[in-house]
Amino acid sequence: MTLGQQDVSKVLLGPLSPYTIEFLRHLKSFFQVMFKVETKPCGEELKGGDKVLMTCVGIGFSNLSKTLK
């Protein structure tokens, strides 16, 4: 998501662990990308407890070493 195209990407995850939060801090410091984090309460359509919806805009990274054919 962070290195993807320069458009909005979303992912629905379970509760964030301390390791995941620290990983998001590393992404912010290295790529200057911030995530919008919204909590989704447990409903009938969401099984397994509370969820977290994370949204970000990619930086548009492309591999310059890749040869074009």
N, C-alpha and C. Protein backbone atom coordinates (compact mmCIF):
# COMPACT_ATOMS: atom_id res chain seq x y z
N MET A 1 0.81 -1.19 0.00
CA MET A 1 0.00 0.00 0.00
C MET A 1 0.86 1.26 0.00
N THR A 2 1.88 1.26 0.79
CA THR A 2 2.73 2.45 0.90
C THR A 2 3.50 2.70 -0.38
N LEU A 3 4.03 1.65 -0.99
CA LEU A 3 4.84 1.80 -2.19
C LEU A 3 4.00 1.75 -3.46
N GLY A 4 2.71 1.55 -3.36
CA GLY A 4 1.85 1.39 -4.52
C GLY A 4 1.62 2.69 -5.28
N GLN A 5 0.63 2.63 -6.17
CA GLN A 5 0.30 3.79 -7.00
C GLN A 5 -0.15 4.96 -6.15
N GLN A 6 -0.11 6.14 -6.75
CA GLN A 6 -0.47 7.35 -6.02
C GLN A 6 -1.99 7.52 -5.98
N ASP A 7 -2.67 6.55 -5.41
CA ASP A 7 -4.09 6.64 -5.17
C ASP A 7 -4.40 5.99 -3.83
N VAL A 8 -5.64 6.07 -3.43
CA VAL A 8 -6.04 5.62 -2.10
C VAL A 8 -6.12 4.10 -2.05
N SER A 9 -5.53 3.51 -1.02
CA SER A 9 -5.62 2.08 -0.75
C SER A 9 -6.22 1.89 0.63
N LYS A 10 -7.03 0.83 0.77
CA LYS A 10 -7.66 0.54 2.06
C LYS A 10 -7.47 -0.92 2.40
N VAL A 11 -7.38 -1.19 3.72
CA VAL A 11 -7.31 -2.57 4.20
C VAL A 11 -8.05 -2.64 5.54
N LEU A 12 -8.75 -3.75 5.74
CA LEU A 12 -9.49 -3.98 6.98
C LEU A 12 -8.75 -5.03 7.78
N LEU A 13 -8.30 -4.67 8.99
CA LEU A 13 -7.50 -5.54 9.83
C LEU A 13 -8.17 -5.76 11.18
N GLY A 14 -7.63 -6.70 11.93
CA GLY A 14 -8.04 -6.90 13.31
C GLY A 14 -7.39 -5.85 14.19
N PRO A 15 -7.48 -5.98 15.49
CA PRO A 15 -6.86 -5.01 16.40
C PRO A 15 -5.35 -4.92 16.17
N LEU A 16 -4.81 -3.70 16.29
CA LEU A 16 -3.39 -3.47 16.04
C LEU A 16 -2.56 -3.85 17.26
N SER A 17 -1.49 -4.59 17.02
CA SER A 17 -0.57 -4.96 18.09
C SER A 17 0.46 -3.84 18.27
N PRO A 18 1.20 -3.83 19.36
CA PRO A 18 2.27 -2.84 19.54
C PRO A 18 3.33 -2.93 18.43
N TYR A 19 3.58 -4.12 17.91
CA TYR A 19 4.55 -4.28 16.82
C TYR A 19 4.05 -3.62 15.54
N THR A 20 2.77 -3.74 15.27
CA THR A 20 2.19 -3.11 14.09
C THR A 20 2.23 -1.59 14.20
N ILE A 21 1.97 -1.08 15.37
CA ILE A 21 2.01 0.37 15.58
C ILE A 21 3.43 0.90 15.38
N GLU A 22 4.42 0.17 15.87
CA GLU A 22 5.81 0.59 15.67
C GLU A 22 6.20 0.50 14.20
N PHE A 23 5.70 -0.51 13.48
CA PHE A 23 5.95 -0.63 12.04
C PHE A 23 5.35 0.57 11.29
N LEU A 24 4.17 1.00 11.67
CA LEU A 24 3.56 2.17 11.05
C LEU A 24 4.38 3.43 11.32
N ARG A 25 4.98 3.51 12.49
CA ARG A 25 5.86 4.65 12.80
C ARG A 25 7.10 4.63 11.91
N HIS A 26 7.64 3.44 11.65
CA HIS A 26 8.79 3.33 10.74
C HIS A 26 8.41 3.75 9.33
N LEU A 27 7.23 3.33 8.87
CA LEU A 27 6.77 3.74 7.53
C LEU A 27 6.64 5.25 7.45
N LYS A 28 6.14 5.87 8.51
CA LYS A 28 5.98 7.32 8.52
C LYS A 28 7.33 8.02 8.46
N SER A 29 8.31 7.53 9.21
CA SER A 29 9.62 8.20 9.23
C SER A 29 10.40 7.97 7.94
N PHE A 30 10.23 6.82 7.30
CA PHE A 30 11.02 6.51 6.10
C PHE A 30 10.36 7.03 4.82
N PHE A 31 9.06 6.83 4.68
CA PHE A 31 8.36 7.19 3.45
C PHE A 31 7.50 8.45 3.58
N GLN A 32 7.40 9.04 4.76
CA GLN A 32 6.55 10.19 5.02
C GLN A 32 5.09 9.90 4.61
N VAL A 33 4.64 8.69 4.89
CA VAL A 33 3.27 8.27 4.60
C VAL A 33 2.54 8.07 5.92
N MET A 34 1.39 8.69 6.04
CA MET A 34 0.58 8.52 7.24
C MET A 34 -0.68 7.75 6.88
N PHE A 35 -1.13 6.93 7.80
CA PHE A 35 -2.33 6.14 7.63
C PHE A 35 -3.48 6.78 8.39
N LYS A 36 -4.65 6.77 7.79
CA LYS A 36 -5.87 7.15 8.50
C LYS A 36 -6.43 5.87 9.09
N VAL A 37 -6.63 5.85 10.40
CA VAL A 37 -7.06 4.64 11.10
C VAL A 37 -8.45 4.89 11.68
N GLU A 38 -9.41 4.06 11.27
CA GLU A 38 -10.78 4.15 11.77
C GLU A 38 -11.15 2.83 12.41
N THR A 39 -11.75 2.87 13.58
CA THR A 39 -12.21 1.64 14.22
C THR A 39 -13.61 1.33 13.74
N LYS A 40 -13.83 0.05 13.43
CA LYS A 40 -15.13 -0.43 13.00
C LYS A 40 -15.65 -1.35 14.09
N PRO A 41 -16.74 -1.00 14.73
CA PRO A 41 -17.27 -1.86 15.80
C PRO A 41 -17.75 -3.19 15.24
N CYS A 42 -17.77 -4.19 16.09
CA CYS A 42 -18.20 -5.52 15.70
C CYS A 42 -19.69 -5.49 15.37
N GLY A 43 -20.01 -5.93 14.18
CA GLY A 43 -21.40 -6.00 13.75
C GLY A 43 -21.70 -7.39 13.23
N GLU A 44 -22.89 -7.58 12.71
CA GLU A 44 -23.26 -8.90 12.20
C GLU A 44 -22.44 -9.27 10.98
N GLU A 45 -22.12 -8.27 10.13
CA GLU A 45 -21.35 -8.57 8.92
C GLU A 45 -19.86 -8.72 9.19
N LEU A 46 -19.37 -8.22 10.32
CA LEU A 46 -17.95 -8.31 10.67
C LEU A 46 -17.79 -9.36 11.76
N LYS A 47 -17.34 -10.51 11.40
CA LYS A 47 -17.16 -11.60 12.35
C LYS A 47 -15.80 -11.48 13.03
N GLY A 48 -15.70 -11.91 14.27
CA GLY A 48 -14.41 -12.00 14.94
C GLY A 48 -14.01 -10.81 15.77
N GLY A 49 -14.90 -9.91 16.07
CA GLY A 49 -14.54 -8.80 16.94
C GLY A 49 -14.35 -7.49 16.20
N ASP A 50 -13.85 -6.50 16.92
CA ASP A 50 -13.66 -5.17 16.34
C ASP A 50 -12.59 -5.19 15.27
N LYS A 51 -12.75 -4.34 14.28
CA LYS A 51 -11.82 -4.24 13.16
C LYS A 51 -11.28 -2.82 13.06
N VAL A 52 -10.19 -2.67 12.31
CA VAL A 52 -9.57 -1.38 12.07
C VAL A 52 -9.46 -1.20 10.56
N LEU A 53 -10.02 -0.10 10.03
CA LEU A 53 -9.91 0.22 8.62
C LEU A 53 -8.77 1.21 8.45
N MET A 54 -7.74 0.81 7.68
CA MET A 54 -6.57 1.67 7.46
C MET A 54 -6.57 2.14 6.02
N THR A 55 -6.35 3.45 5.83
CA THR A 55 -6.36 4.06 4.52
C THR A 55 -5.09 4.89 4.35
N CYS A 56 -4.48 4.79 3.16
CA CYS A 56 -3.31 5.63 2.87
C CYS A 56 -3.23 5.89 1.37
N VAL A 57 -2.39 6.84 1.00
CA VAL A 57 -2.11 7.15 -0.39
C VAL A 57 -0.69 6.70 -0.67
N GLY A 58 -0.50 5.87 -1.70
CA GLY A 58 0.82 5.35 -2.04
C GLY A 58 1.75 6.44 -2.55
N ILE A 59 3.04 6.13 -2.56
CA ILE A 59 4.04 7.11 -3.01
C ILE A 59 4.37 6.96 -4.49
N GLY A 60 3.85 5.93 -5.15
CA GLY A 60 4.09 5.75 -6.58
C GLY A 60 5.48 5.24 -6.90
N PHE A 61 6.03 4.39 -6.06
CA PHE A 61 7.37 3.84 -6.27
C PHE A 61 7.40 2.98 -7.53
N SER A 62 8.46 3.13 -8.31
CA SER A 62 8.66 2.26 -9.47
C SER A 62 10.11 1.80 -9.47
N ASN A 63 10.32 0.58 -9.91
CA ASN A 63 11.64 -0.03 -9.93
C ASN A 63 12.41 0.47 -11.15
N LEU A 64 13.42 1.31 -10.94
CA LEU A 64 14.19 1.87 -12.05
C LEU A 64 15.19 0.87 -12.61
N SER A 65 15.50 -0.19 -11.87
CA SER A 65 16.45 -1.20 -12.33
C SER A 65 15.80 -2.20 -13.28
N LYS A 66 14.50 -2.22 -13.34
CA LYS A 66 13.78 -3.17 -14.18
C LYS A 66 13.89 -2.73 -15.64
N THR A 67 14.31 -3.64 -16.50
CA THR A 67 14.45 -3.32 -17.92
C THR A 67 13.10 -3.41 -18.61
N LEU A 68 12.88 -2.51 -19.54
CA LEU A 68 11.64 -2.51 -20.32
C LEU A 68 11.87 -3.26 -21.61
N LYS A 69 10.88 -4.06 -22.00
CA LYS A 69 10.99 -4.82 -23.25
C LYS A 69 9.98 -4.35 -24.25
